[in-house]
C-alpha atoms as a PDB file:
ATOM      1  CA  MET A   1      -0.139  -0.529  -0.290  1.00  0.00           C
ATOM      2  CA  TRP A   2       1.015   3.602  -0.618  1.00  0.00           C
ATOM      3  CA  ILE A   3       1.984   5.541   2.171  1.00  0.00           C
ATOM      4  CA  PHE A   4       2.450   8.586   1.278  1.00  0.00           C
ATOM      5  CA  GLY A   5       0.803  11.203  -0.633  1.00  0.00           C
ATOM      6  CA  TRP A   6      -1.086  14.462   0.332  1.00  0.00           C
ATOM      7  CA  ASN A   7      -4.304  15.237  -1.051  1.00  0.00           C
ATOM      8  CA  GLY A   8      -4.097  18.071  -3.842  1.00  0.00           C
ATOM      9  CA  PRO A   9      -6.763  20.474  -4.893  1.00  0.00           C
ATOM     10  CA  SER A  10      -9.294  17.706  -5.997  1.00  0.00           C
ATOM     11  CA  GLY A  11      -9.218  16.357  -2.095  1.00  0.00           C
ATOM     12  CA  PHE A  12      -7.875  13.026  -3.238  1.00  0.00           C
ATOM     13  CA  SER A  13      -4.289  11.480  -3.382  1.00  0.00           C
ATOM     14  CA  ALA A  14      -1.751   9.175  -3.788  1.00  0.00           C
ATOM     15  CA  ARG A  15      -3.501   7.294  -1.467  1.00  0.00           C
ATOM     16  CA  SER A  16      -7.060   7.767  -2.581  1.00  0.00           C
ATOM     17  CA  THR A  17      -9.286   4.192  -3.618  1.00  0.00           C
ATOM     18  CA  ALA A  18     -11.372   4.013  -6.640  1.00  0.00           C
ATOM     19  CA  GLU A  19     -14.236   3.986  -4.026  1.00  0.00           C
ATOM     20  CA  GLN A  20     -13.336   6.298  -2.119  1.00  0.00           C
ATOM     21  CA  VAL A  21     -12.986   8.780  -5.166  1.00  0.00           C
ATOM     22  CA  THR A  22     -16.524   7.497  -6.166  1.00  0.00           C
ATOM     23  CA  GLN A  23     -17.912   7.792  -2.598  1.00  0.00           C
ATOM     24  CA  GLY A  24     -21.382   9.108  -3.382  1.00  0.00           C
ATOM     25  CA  ILE A  25     -21.608   9.624  -6.673  1.00  0.00           C
ATOM     26  CA  ASP A  26     -24.589   7.702  -9.187  1.00  0.00           C
ATOM     27  CA  GLY A  27     -23.511   6.174 -12.628  1.00  0.00           C
ATOM     28  CA  THR A  28     -26.783   4.724 -12.812  1.00  0.00           C
ATOM     29  CA  GLY A  29     -28.053   4.759 -16.686  1.00  0.00           C
ATOM     30  CA  LEU A  30     -24.304   5.346 -17.701  1.00  0.00           C
ATOM     31  CA  THR A  31     -23.104   2.681 -20.129  1.00  0.00           C
ATOM     32  CA  ALA A  32     -18.532   1.793 -20.389  1.00  0.00           C
ATOM     33  CA  ILE A  33     -16.490  -0.294 -22.226  1.00  0.00           C
ATOM     34  CA  VAL A  34     -13.278  -1.171 -19.685  1.00  0.00           C
ATOM     35  CA  THR A  35     -10.903  -2.950 -22.566  1.00  0.00           C
ATOM     36  CA  GLY A  36      -8.535  -5.346 -20.581  1.00  0.00           C
ATOM     37  CA  ALA A  37     -11.242  -5.538 -17.882  1.00  0.00           C
ATOM     38  CA  SER A  38     -10.313  -9.134 -16.826  1.00  0.00           C
ATOM     39  CA  SER A  39      -6.697  -8.482 -14.458  1.00  0.00           C
ATOM     40  CA  GLY A  40      -4.805  -5.953 -12.284  1.00  0.00           C
ATOM     41  CA  ILE A  41      -6.138  -2.219 -11.904  1.00  0.00           C
ATOM     42  CA  GLY A  42      -9.196  -3.114 -15.370  1.00  0.00           C
ATOM     43  CA  VAL A  43     -10.975  -5.727 -12.637  1.00  0.00           C
ATOM     44  CA  GLU A  44     -11.516  -2.953  -9.994  1.00  0.00           C
ATOM     45  CA  THR A  45     -12.289  -0.681 -12.139  1.00  0.00           C
ATOM     46  CA  THR A  46     -14.870  -2.740 -13.418  1.00  0.00           C
ATOM     47  CA  ARG A  47     -15.664  -3.016 -10.493  1.00  0.00           C
ATOM     48  CA  VAL A  48     -15.986   0.324  -8.898  1.00  0.00           C
ATOM     49  CA  LEU A  49     -18.040   1.432 -12.017  1.00  0.00           C
ATOM     50  CA  ALA A  50     -20.134  -1.623 -11.050  1.00  0.00           C
ATOM     51  CA  LEU A  51     -20.479  -0.709  -7.728  1.00  0.00           C
ATOM     52  CA  ARG A  52     -21.720   2.950  -8.626  1.00  0.00           C
ATOM     53  CA  GLY A  53     -24.153   1.814 -10.600  1.00  0.00           C
ATOM     54  CA  VAL A  54     -22.608   1.888 -14.342  1.00  0.00           C
ATOM     55  CA  HIS A  55     -23.252  -0.855 -16.662  1.00  0.00           C
ATOM     56  CA  VAL A  56     -19.886  -1.768 -17.609  1.00  0.00           C
ATOM     57  CA  VAL A  57     -18.750  -4.009 -20.664  1.00  0.00           C
ATOM     58  CA  MET A  58     -15.413  -5.889 -19.778  1.00  0.00           C
ATOM     59  CA  ALA A  59     -13.534  -5.974 -23.672  1.00  0.00           C
ATOM     60  CA  VAL A  60     -10.790  -8.698 -22.696  1.00  0.00           C
ATOM     61  CA  ARG A  61      -9.092 -11.230 -25.171  1.00  0.00           C
ATOM     62  CA  ASN A  62      -9.282 -14.191 -22.551  1.00  0.00           C
ATOM     63  CA  VAL A  63     -12.974 -14.730 -22.530  1.00  0.00           C
ATOM     64  CA  GLU A  64     -13.225 -17.620 -19.782  1.00  0.00           C
ATOM     65  CA  THR A  65     -10.789 -14.923 -17.661  1.00  0.00           C
ATOM     66  CA  GLY A  66     -13.466 -11.869 -18.235  1.00  0.00           C
ATOM     67  CA  ARG A  67     -16.450 -14.450 -16.956  1.00  0.00           C
ATOM     68  CA  GLU A  68     -14.657 -15.827 -13.815  1.00  0.00           C
ATOM     69  CA  VAL A  69     -14.380 -11.975 -13.100  1.00  0.00           C
ATOM     70  CA  LYS A  70     -17.753 -11.056 -13.439  1.00  0.00           C
ATOM     71  CA  GLU A  71     -18.732 -13.682 -11.700  1.00  0.00           C
ATOM     72  CA  ALA A  72     -16.936 -12.276  -8.912  1.00  0.00           C
ATOM     73  CA  ILE A  73     -18.347  -8.977  -9.055  1.00  0.00           C
ATOM     74  CA  LEU A  74     -22.180 -10.730  -9.501  1.00  0.00           C
ATOM     75  CA  LYS A  75     -21.738 -12.624  -6.177  1.00  0.00           C
ATOM     76  CA  GLU A  76     -19.890  -9.160  -4.790  1.00  0.00           C
ATOM     77  CA  ILE A  77     -22.662  -6.711  -6.043  1.00  0.00           C
ATOM     78  CA  PRO A  78     -25.978  -9.188  -7.077  1.00  0.00           C
ATOM     79  CA  SER A  79     -27.185  -5.815  -8.994  1.00  0.00           C
ATOM     80  CA  ALA A  80     -24.497  -4.715 -11.251  1.00  0.00           C
ATOM     81  CA  LYS A  81     -25.068  -4.757 -14.895  1.00  0.00           C
ATOM     82  CA  VAL A  82     -21.615  -6.720 -16.187  1.00  0.00           C
ATOM     83  CA  GLU A  83     -21.342  -8.025 -19.955  1.00  0.00           C
ATOM     84  CA  VAL A  84     -17.881  -9.573 -21.097  1.00  0.00           C
ATOM     85  CA  MET A  85     -17.177  -9.406 -24.811  1.00  0.00           C
ATOM     86  CA  HIS A  86     -13.916 -10.396 -27.063  1.00  0.00           C
ATOM     87  CA  LEU A  87     -11.443  -8.158 -28.197  1.00  0.00           C
ATOM     88  CA  ASP A  88      -7.422  -8.621 -28.893  1.00  0.00           C
ATOM     89  CA  LEU A  89      -6.395  -5.048 -29.367  1.00  0.00           C
ATOM     90  CA  ASN A  90      -2.929  -6.608 -31.454  1.00  0.00           C
ATOM     91  CA  SER A  91      -5.517  -7.531 -34.324  1.00  0.00           C
ATOM     92  CA  MET A  92      -7.056  -4.908 -36.031  1.00  0.00           C
ATOM     93  CA  ALA A  93      -9.855  -7.891 -37.154  1.00  0.00           C
ATOM     94  CA  SER A  94     -10.650  -8.952 -33.908  1.00  0.00           C
ATOM     95  CA  VAL A  95     -11.328  -4.209 -33.045  1.00  0.00           C
ATOM     96  CA  ARG A  96     -13.652  -3.861 -36.412  1.00  0.00           C
ATOM     97  CA  LYS A  97     -15.319  -7.015 -34.996  1.00  0.00           C
ATOM     98  CA  PHE A  98     -15.672  -5.667 -31.468  1.00  0.00           C
ATOM     99  CA  ALA A  99     -16.870  -2.301 -32.214  1.00  0.00           C
ATOM    100  CA  SER A 100     -19.443  -3.998 -35.481  1.00  0.00           C
ATOM    101  CA  GLU A 101     -20.936  -6.265 -32.762  1.00  0.00           C
ATOM    102  CA  TYR A 102     -21.353  -3.882 -30.072  1.00  0.00           C
ATOM    103  CA  ILE A 103     -22.612  -1.024 -32.618  1.00  0.00           C
ATOM    104  CA  SER A 104     -25.003  -3.646 -33.561  1.00  0.00           C
ATOM    105  CA  SER A 105     -26.576  -4.725 -29.723  1.00  0.00           C
ATOM    106  CA  GLY A 106     -27.968  -1.230 -30.013  1.00  0.00           C
ATOM    107  CA  LEU A 107     -25.818  -0.401 -26.361  1.00  0.00           C
ATOM    108  CA  PRO A 108     -25.490   3.114 -26.140  1.00  0.00           C
ATOM    109  CA  LEU A 109     -21.754   4.175 -25.181  1.00  0.00           C
ATOM    110  CA  ASN A 110     -21.489   6.596 -22.489  1.00  0.00           C
ATOM    111  CA  LEU A 111     -18.134   6.266 -21.329  1.00  0.00           C
ATOM    112  CA  LEU A 112     -14.961   4.613 -22.678  1.00  0.00           C
ATOM    113  CA  ILE A 113     -11.292   3.663 -20.992  1.00  0.00           C
ATOM    114  CA  ASN A 114      -8.936   2.596 -22.781  1.00  0.00           C
ATOM    115  CA  ASN A 115      -6.955   0.445 -20.185  1.00  0.00           C
ATOM    116  CA  ALA A 116      -5.720  -2.640 -21.766  1.00  0.00           C
ATOM    117  CA  GLY A 117      -1.687  -2.256 -22.151  1.00  0.00           C
ATOM    118  CA  VAL A 118       1.149  -4.204 -22.597  1.00  0.00           C
ATOM    119  CA  MET A 119       4.596  -3.660 -21.103  1.00  0.00           C
ATOM    120  CA  ALA A 120       7.964  -3.805 -22.398  1.00  0.00           C
ATOM    121  CA  PRO A 121       7.799  -7.117 -24.000  1.00  0.00           C
ATOM    122  CA  PRO A 122      10.770  -9.151 -26.118  1.00  0.00           C
ATOM    123  CA  PHE A 123      10.397  -8.101 -29.783  1.00  0.00           C
ATOM    124  CA  MET A 124       7.200  -8.944 -31.669  1.00  0.00           C
ATOM    125  CA  LEU A 125       4.993  -8.070 -34.172  1.00  0.00           C
ATOM    126  CA  SER A 126       1.085  -8.097 -34.129  1.00  0.00           C
ATOM    127  CA  GLU A 127      -1.349  -9.657 -36.628  1.00  0.00           C
ATOM    128  CA  ASP A 128      -0.940  -6.396 -38.419  1.00  0.00           C
ATOM    129  CA  ASN A 129       3.228  -6.362 -38.750  1.00  0.00           C
ATOM    130  CA  ILE A 130       3.175  -3.377 -36.213  1.00  0.00           C
ATOM    131  CA  GLU A 131       5.687  -3.561 -33.330  1.00  0.00           C
ATOM    132  CA  ILE A 132       3.319  -5.184 -30.396  1.00  0.00           C
ATOM    133  CA  GLN A 133       3.325  -1.920 -28.102  1.00  0.00           C
ATOM    134  CA  PHE A 134       3.083   0.236 -30.578  1.00  0.00           C
ATOM    135  CA  ALA A 135      -0.402  -2.034 -31.925  1.00  0.00           C
ATOM    136  CA  THR A 136      -1.589  -2.991 -28.232  1.00  0.00           C
ATOM    137  CA  ASN A 137      -1.190   0.097 -26.504  1.00  0.00           C
ATOM    138  CA  HIS A 138      -1.539   2.747 -28.950  1.00  0.00           C
ATOM    139  CA  ILE A 139      -2.883   1.632 -32.527  1.00  0.00           C
ATOM    140  CA  GLY A 140      -5.598  -0.953 -31.201  1.00  0.00           C
ATOM    141  CA  HIS A 141      -7.431   1.314 -29.015  1.00  0.00           C
ATOM    142  CA  PHE A 142      -7.295   4.236 -31.603  1.00  0.00           C
ATOM    143  CA  LEU A 143      -8.734   2.833 -33.791  1.00  0.00           C
ATOM    144  CA  LEU A 144     -11.388   0.949 -31.349  1.00  0.00           C
ATOM    145  CA  THR A 145     -12.401   4.771 -30.461  1.00  0.00           C
ATOM    146  CA  ASP A 146     -12.395   6.052 -34.015  1.00  0.00           C
ATOM    147  CA  LEU A 147     -14.978   2.772 -34.871  1.00  0.00           C
ATOM    148  CA  LEU A 148     -17.292   3.723 -32.067  1.00  0.00           C
ATOM    149  CA  LEU A 149     -17.296   7.549 -31.938  1.00  0.00           C
ATOM    150  CA  GLU A 150     -20.108   8.499 -33.947  1.00  0.00           C
ATOM    151  CA  THR A 151     -22.571   5.882 -31.213  1.00  0.00           C
ATOM    152  CA  MET A 152     -20.962   8.275 -28.489  1.00  0.00           C
ATOM    153  CA  LYS A 153     -21.871  11.153 -30.231  1.00  0.00           C
ATOM    154  CA  ASN A 154     -25.154  10.074 -30.085  1.00  0.00           C
ATOM    155  CA  THR A 155     -25.601   8.924 -26.802  1.00  0.00           C
ATOM    156  CA  ALA A 156     -23.947  12.159 -25.301  1.00  0.00           C
ATOM    157  CA  ARG A 157     -26.461  13.859 -27.780  1.00  0.00           C
ATOM    158  CA  GLU A 158     -29.744  11.926 -27.224  1.00  0.00           C
ATOM    159  CA  SER A 159     -28.797  11.436 -23.433  1.00  0.00           C
ATOM    160  CA  ASN A 160     -27.900  15.119 -22.887  1.00  0.00           C
ATOM    161  CA  ARG A 161     -24.881  13.406 -20.211  1.00  0.00           C
ATOM    162  CA  GLU A 162     -21.678  14.201 -21.029  1.00  0.00           C
ATOM    163  CA  GLY A 163     -19.567  11.930 -22.604  1.00  0.00           C
ATOM    164  CA  ARG A 164     -15.660  10.522 -21.201  1.00  0.00           C
ATOM    165  CA  ILE A 165     -12.678   8.847 -22.972  1.00  0.00           C
ATOM    166  CA  VAL A 166     -10.075   7.753 -20.827  1.00  0.00           C
ATOM    167  CA  ASN A 167      -6.919   7.268 -21.942  1.00  0.00           C
ATOM    168  CA  LEU A 168      -4.661   5.382 -19.227  1.00  0.00           C
ATOM    169  CA  SER A 169      -0.526   6.104 -19.879  1.00  0.00           C
ATOM    170  CA  SER A 170       2.527   5.656 -17.521  1.00  0.00           C
ATOM    171  CA  GLY A 171       4.736   8.101 -16.238  1.00  0.00           C
ATOM    172  CA  GLY A 172       6.641   5.628 -18.827  1.00  0.00           C
ATOM    173  CA  HIS A 173       6.336   8.171 -21.123  1.00  0.00           C
ATOM    174  CA  ASN A 174       9.063   9.835 -19.953  1.00  0.00           C
ATOM    175  CA  PHE A 175      11.417   7.374 -21.310  1.00  0.00           C
ATOM    176  CA  ALA A 176      10.048   7.829 -25.506  1.00  0.00           C
ATOM    177  CA  TYR A 177      12.809   8.444 -27.486  1.00  0.00           C
ATOM    178  CA  ARG A 178      14.646  11.383 -28.154  1.00  0.00           C
ATOM    179  CA  GLU A 179      12.431  12.752 -31.129  1.00  0.00           C
ATOM    180  CA  GLY A 180       8.767  11.224 -29.339  1.00  0.00           C
ATOM    181  CA  ILE A 181       7.809   8.470 -32.041  1.00  0.00           C
ATOM    182  CA  ARG A 182      10.641   7.144 -34.037  1.00  0.00           C
ATOM    183  CA  PHE A 183       7.378   6.527 -37.101  1.00  0.00           C
ATOM    184  CA  ASP A 184      10.112   5.563 -39.322  1.00  0.00           C
ATOM    185  CA  LYS A 185      11.466   3.071 -37.102  1.00  0.00           C
ATOM    186  CA  ILE A 186       8.245   1.531 -35.011  1.00  0.00           C
ATOM    187  CA  ASN A 187       8.853  -2.169 -36.827  1.00  0.00           C
ATOM    188  CA  ASP A 188      13.402  -1.714 -36.480  1.00  0.00           C
ATOM    189  CA  LYS A 189      14.191  -4.590 -34.806  1.00  0.00           C
ATOM    190  CA  SER A 190      17.999  -3.793 -35.076  1.00  0.00           C
ATOM    191  CA  GLU A 191      17.142  -0.765 -33.153  1.00  0.00           C
ATOM    192  CA  TYR A 192      14.272  -1.856 -30.617  1.00  0.00           C
ATOM    193  CA  ASN A 193      14.070  -1.182 -27.242  1.00  0.00           C
ATOM    194  CA  SER A 194      11.733  -2.641 -25.252  1.00  0.00           C
ATOM    195  CA  VAL A 195      11.586   0.146 -23.093  1.00  0.00           C
ATOM    196  CA  TYR A 196      11.909   2.938 -24.716  1.00  0.00           C
ATOM    197  CA  ALA A 197       9.478   1.625 -27.115  1.00  0.00           C
ATOM    198  CA  TYR A 198       7.107   0.960 -24.317  1.00  0.00           C
ATOM    199  CA  GLY A 199       8.122   4.599 -23.735  1.00  0.00           C
ATOM    200  CA  GLN A 200       7.348   5.949 -27.070  1.00  0.00           C
ATOM    201  CA  SER A 201       3.556   4.031 -26.723  1.00  0.00           C
ATOM    202  CA  LYS A 202       2.562   5.734 -23.867  1.00  0.00           C
ATOM    203  CA  LEU A 203       3.209   9.249 -25.157  1.00  0.00           C
ATOM    204  CA  ALA A 204       0.937   7.701 -27.772  1.00  0.00           C
ATOM    205  CA  ASN A 205      -1.174   8.170 -25.857  1.00  0.00           C
ATOM    206  CA  ILE A 206      -1.145  10.903 -23.829  1.00  0.00           C
ATOM    207  CA  LEU A 207      -1.266  12.428 -27.422  1.00  0.00           C
ATOM    208  CA  HIS A 208      -4.169  10.565 -28.995  1.00  0.00           C
ATOM    209  CA  ALA A 209      -5.890  11.386 -26.144  1.00  0.00           C
ATOM    210  CA  ASN A 210      -4.806  15.549 -26.474  1.00  0.00           C
ATOM    211  CA  GLU A 211      -5.684  15.640 -30.201  1.00  0.00           C
ATOM    212  CA  LEU A 212      -8.398  14.030 -29.858  1.00  0.00           C
ATOM    213  CA  ALA A 213      -9.884  16.542 -27.332  1.00  0.00           C
ATOM    214  CA  ARG A 214      -8.848  19.220 -29.714  1.00  0.00           C
ATOM    215  CA  ARG A 215     -10.756  17.947 -32.306  1.00  0.00           C
ATOM    216  CA  LEU A 216     -14.166  17.159 -30.218  1.00  0.00           C
ATOM    217  CA  LYS A 217     -14.208  20.557 -28.873  1.00  0.00           C
ATOM    218  CA  ALA A 218     -13.646  22.727 -31.960  1.00  0.00           C
ATOM    219  CA  ASP A 219     -17.204  19.939 -33.416  1.00  0.00           C
ATOM    220  CA  GLY A 220     -18.861  20.824 -30.503  1.00  0.00           C
ATOM    221  CA  VAL A 221     -19.429  17.821 -29.747  1.00  0.00           C
ATOM    222  CA  ASP A 222     -20.313  17.285 -25.919  1.00  0.00           C
ATOM    223  CA  ILE A 223     -17.254  14.262 -25.387  1.00  0.00           C
ATOM    224  CA  THR A 224     -13.930  14.756 -22.866  1.00  0.00           C
ATOM    225  CA  ALA A 225     -10.825  13.158 -23.389  1.00  0.00           C
ATOM    226  CA  ASN A 226      -8.118  12.686 -21.152  1.00  0.00           C
ATOM    227  CA  SER A 227      -5.457  10.479 -19.682  1.00  0.00           C
ATOM    228  CA  LEU A 228      -4.303   9.371 -17.173  1.00  0.00           C
ATOM    229  CA  HIS A 229      -0.617   7.348 -15.420  1.00  0.00           C
ATOM    230  CA  PRO A 230      -2.672   5.167 -12.623  1.00  0.00           C
ATOM    231  CA  GLY A 231       0.049   5.417 -10.430  1.00  0.00           C
ATOM    232  CA  ALA A 232       3.346   2.395  -9.854  1.00  0.00           C
ATOM    233  CA  ILE A 233       1.152  -0.588  -9.005  1.00  0.00           C
ATOM    234  CA  ALA A 234       1.928  -4.238  -7.760  1.00  0.00           C
ATOM    235  CA  THR A 235       0.613  -5.770 -11.206  1.00  0.00           C
ATOM    236  CA  ASN A 236       2.059  -8.213 -13.726  1.00  0.00           C
ATOM    237  CA  LEU A 237       2.434  -5.961 -16.097  1.00  0.00           C
ATOM    238  CA  VAL A 238       6.492  -5.887 -15.114  1.00  0.00           C
ATOM    239  CA  ARG A 239       6.700 -10.298 -16.025  1.00  0.00           C
ATOM    240  CA  HIS A 240       8.577  -9.921 -19.056  1.00  0.00           C
ATOM    241  CA  HIS A 241      11.398  -8.412 -16.911  1.00  0.00           C
ATOM    242  CA  SER A 242      12.200 -10.870 -13.956  1.00  0.00           C
ATOM    243  CA  ILE A 243      14.284  -8.421 -12.125  1.00  0.00           C
ATOM    244  CA  ILE A 244      12.380  -6.056 -11.751  1.00  0.00           C
ATOM    245  CA  ASP A 245       9.293  -8.635 -11.375  1.00  0.00           C
ATOM    246  CA  GLY A 246      11.573  -9.742  -8.517  1.00  0.00           C
ATOM    247  CA  MET A 247      11.879  -6.537  -6.628  1.00  0.00           C
ATOM    248  CA  VAL A 248       8.541  -5.360  -7.501  1.00  0.00           C
ATOM    249  CA  SER A 249       7.300  -8.783  -4.936  1.00  0.00           C
ATOM    250  CA  LEU A 250      10.025  -7.787  -2.469  1.00  0.00           C
ATOM    251  CA  VAL A 251       9.305  -3.743  -1.847  1.00  0.00           C
ATOM    252  CA  GLY A 252       5.980  -3.586  -3.986  1.00  0.00           C
ATOM    253  CA  LYS A 253       4.046  -3.807  -0.779  1.00  0.00           C
ATOM    254  CA  TYR A 254       5.736  -0.549   1.044  1.00  0.00           C
ATOM    255  CA  VAL A 255       6.131   1.682  -2.149  1.00  0.00           C
ATOM    256  CA  LEU A 256       3.960   0.783  -4.634  1.00  0.00           C
ATOM    257  CA  LYS A 257       0.618   1.481  -4.900  1.00  0.00           C
ATOM    258  CA  ASN A 258      -2.018  -1.748  -4.410  1.00  0.00           C
ATOM    259  CA  VAL A 259      -4.744  -2.628  -7.027  1.00  0.00           C
ATOM    260  CA  PRO A 260      -7.819  -0.386  -5.175  1.00  0.00           C
ATOM    261  CA  GLN A 261      -5.419   2.860  -5.335  1.00  0.00           C
ATOM    262  CA  GLY A 262      -3.781   2.171  -8.351  1.00  0.00           C
ATOM    263  CA  ALA A 263      -7.496   1.907 -10.181  1.00  0.00           C
ATOM    264  CA  ALA A 264      -8.643   5.417  -8.597  1.00  0.00           C
ATOM    265  CA  THR A 265      -7.750   7.473 -11.253  1.00  0.00           C
ATOM    266  CA  THR A 266      -9.814   6.368 -13.786  1.00  0.00           C
ATOM    267  CA  CYS A 267     -12.522   6.304 -11.921  1.00  0.00           C
ATOM    268  CA  TYR A 268     -11.988   9.526 -10.980  1.00  0.00           C
ATOM    269  CA  VAL A 269     -12.117  10.661 -14.482  1.00  0.00           C
ATOM    270  CA  ALA A 270     -15.112   8.600 -15.611  1.00  0.00           C
ATOM    271  CA  LEU A 271     -16.947   9.199 -13.210  1.00  0.00           C
ATOM    272  CA  HIS A 272     -16.628  12.382 -10.879  1.00  0.00           C
ATOM    273  CA  PRO A 273     -18.206  15.504 -11.239  1.00  0.00           C
ATOM    274  CA  GLN A 274     -15.539  17.450 -11.059  1.00  0.00           C
ATOM    275  CA  VAL A 275     -13.884  16.748 -14.267  1.00  0.00           C
ATOM    276  CA  LYS A 276     -16.987  18.081 -15.676  1.00  0.00           C
ATOM    277  CA  GLY A 277     -16.175  20.127 -19.120  1.00  0.00           C
ATOM    278  CA  VAL A 278     -12.144  18.978 -18.272  1.00  0.00           C
ATOM    279  CA  THR A 279     -10.945  18.234 -21.866  1.00  0.00           C
ATOM    280  CA  GLY A 280      -7.454  17.329 -22.943  1.00  0.00           C
ATOM    281  CA  LYS A 281      -5.546  16.752 -19.507  1.00  0.00           C
ATOM    282  CA  TYR A 282      -3.212  14.531 -17.657  1.00  0.00           C
ATOM    283  CA  PHE A 283      -4.100  13.236 -14.246  1.00  0.00           C
ATOM    284  CA  MET A 284      -2.122  12.006 -11.861  1.00  0.00           C
ATOM    285  CA  ASP A 285      -3.536  10.599  -8.163  1.00  0.00           C
ATOM    286  CA  SER A 286      -6.640  12.530  -8.658  1.00  0.00           C
ATOM    287  CA  ASN A 287      -5.517  15.218  -9.838  1.00  0.00           C
ATOM    288  CA  ILE A 288      -4.549  17.574 -13.205  1.00  0.00           C
ATOM    289  CA  ALA A 289      -0.654  16.956 -13.264  1.00  0.00           C
ATOM    290  CA  LYS A 290       2.083  18.368 -16.178  1.00  0.00           C
ATOM    291  CA  PRO A 291       3.501  15.608 -18.846  1.00  0.00           C
ATOM    292  CA  SER A 292       6.517  15.892 -19.868  1.00  0.00           C
ATOM    293  CA  SER A 293       7.361  18.311 -22.636  1.00  0.00           C
ATOM    294  CA  LEU A 294       6.929  15.906 -25.868  1.00  0.00           C
ATOM    295  CA  ALA A 295       3.641  15.153 -24.400  1.00  0.00           C
ATOM    296  CA  VAL A 296       2.240  18.586 -24.935  1.00  0.00           C
ATOM    297  CA  ASP A 297       3.197  18.827 -28.734  1.00  0.00           C
ATOM    298  CA  THR A 298       0.027  19.451 -30.829  1.00  0.00           C
ATOM    299  CA  GLU A 299       2.760  19.000 -33.945  1.00  0.00           C
ATOM    300  CA  LEU A 300       3.947  15.552 -32.985  1.00  0.00           C
ATOM    301  CA  ALA A 301      -0.103  15.027 -31.953  1.00  0.00           C
ATOM    302  CA  LYS A 302      -1.633  15.949 -35.182  1.00  0.00           C
ATOM    303  CA  LYS A 303       2.015  13.875 -37.144  1.00  0.00           C
ATOM    304  CA  LEU A 304       0.651  10.782 -35.149  1.00  0.00           C
ATOM    305  CA  TRP A 305      -2.882  11.233 -35.579  1.00  0.00           C
ATOM    306  CA  ASP A 306      -2.358  11.426 -39.606  1.00  0.00           C
ATOM    307  CA  PHE A 307       0.042   8.369 -38.688  1.00  0.00           C
ATOM    308  CA  SER A 308      -2.391   6.159 -37.672  1.00  0.00           C
ATOM    309  CA  PHE A 309      -5.541   7.011 -39.681  1.00  0.00           C
ATOM    310  CA  LYS A 310      -2.797   5.962 -42.713  1.00  0.00           C
ATOM    311  CA  LEU A 311      -2.442   3.227 -40.972  1.00  0.00           C
ATOM    312  CA  THR A 312      -5.738   1.518 -39.094  1.00  0.00           C
ATOM    313  CA  ASN A 313      -7.015   3.026 -42.530  1.00  0.00           C
ATOM    314  CA  PRO A 314      -5.028   1.307 -45.574  1.00  0.00           C
ATOM    315  CA  ASN A 315      -6.956   1.772 -48.570  1.00  0.00           C
END
């Protein structure tokens, strides 16, 4: 459990849990998609949103595990509205299939929480021949958001309630390449550094939210887009690095956030009234924070948008 931290302007800190930052908030009538909802902070995000009355669709790669999580939540919260749908962010075909099935279901969409991610694995390519971290952490979410945006716009208009898109980044965005995103070398194995590539993908999450916020604002759409750093958390995200994983196991419980604390900022940005109308911001410990200079580079954000759009719309 993280034992340090002081309350910021929001009244919350690094010690605050997801339940604490959403205490007294009624999410009844809202529908959310949470990617990567079958492990880590995705589970807690799903549980707390459901606890507050939100209808949650768990978008997961492992459907069986997702169903086990759903059953555990229903056992604790019998009134919870939770569904499980298959989504593999490594595959654009899977993302398109998920979006098509979701749209066909007729469900509204108020909250899109782009939570899933991988951290610093050995070099490998996705089904679409894109470096796995950039593909999973950014491109899959970019395409998913694009495909579901019209549904979100319709929901915001018909319900007269603000829609919110939440991108999970990390402090790792500070460790991106010097140029930020190496558009011409994303798939270059010879120059691959797993940590830098992770930082590049996490930087992309912030830039995506910022450019999306700018475009939605220009269109006069009642949807916000923000990004956040959940904090250093003891989860299985570091499983590809045995030394780091070992250190986490040894001292993590003393200096890292636990999962309820790790999910707090996500739930705060998704549900709290304090965040109404706030868009294009970066949050940490349930407060607005300042990211790296690269993360607020508007030209880099526009360049990333164009690059991502071409990757996801090749024809």
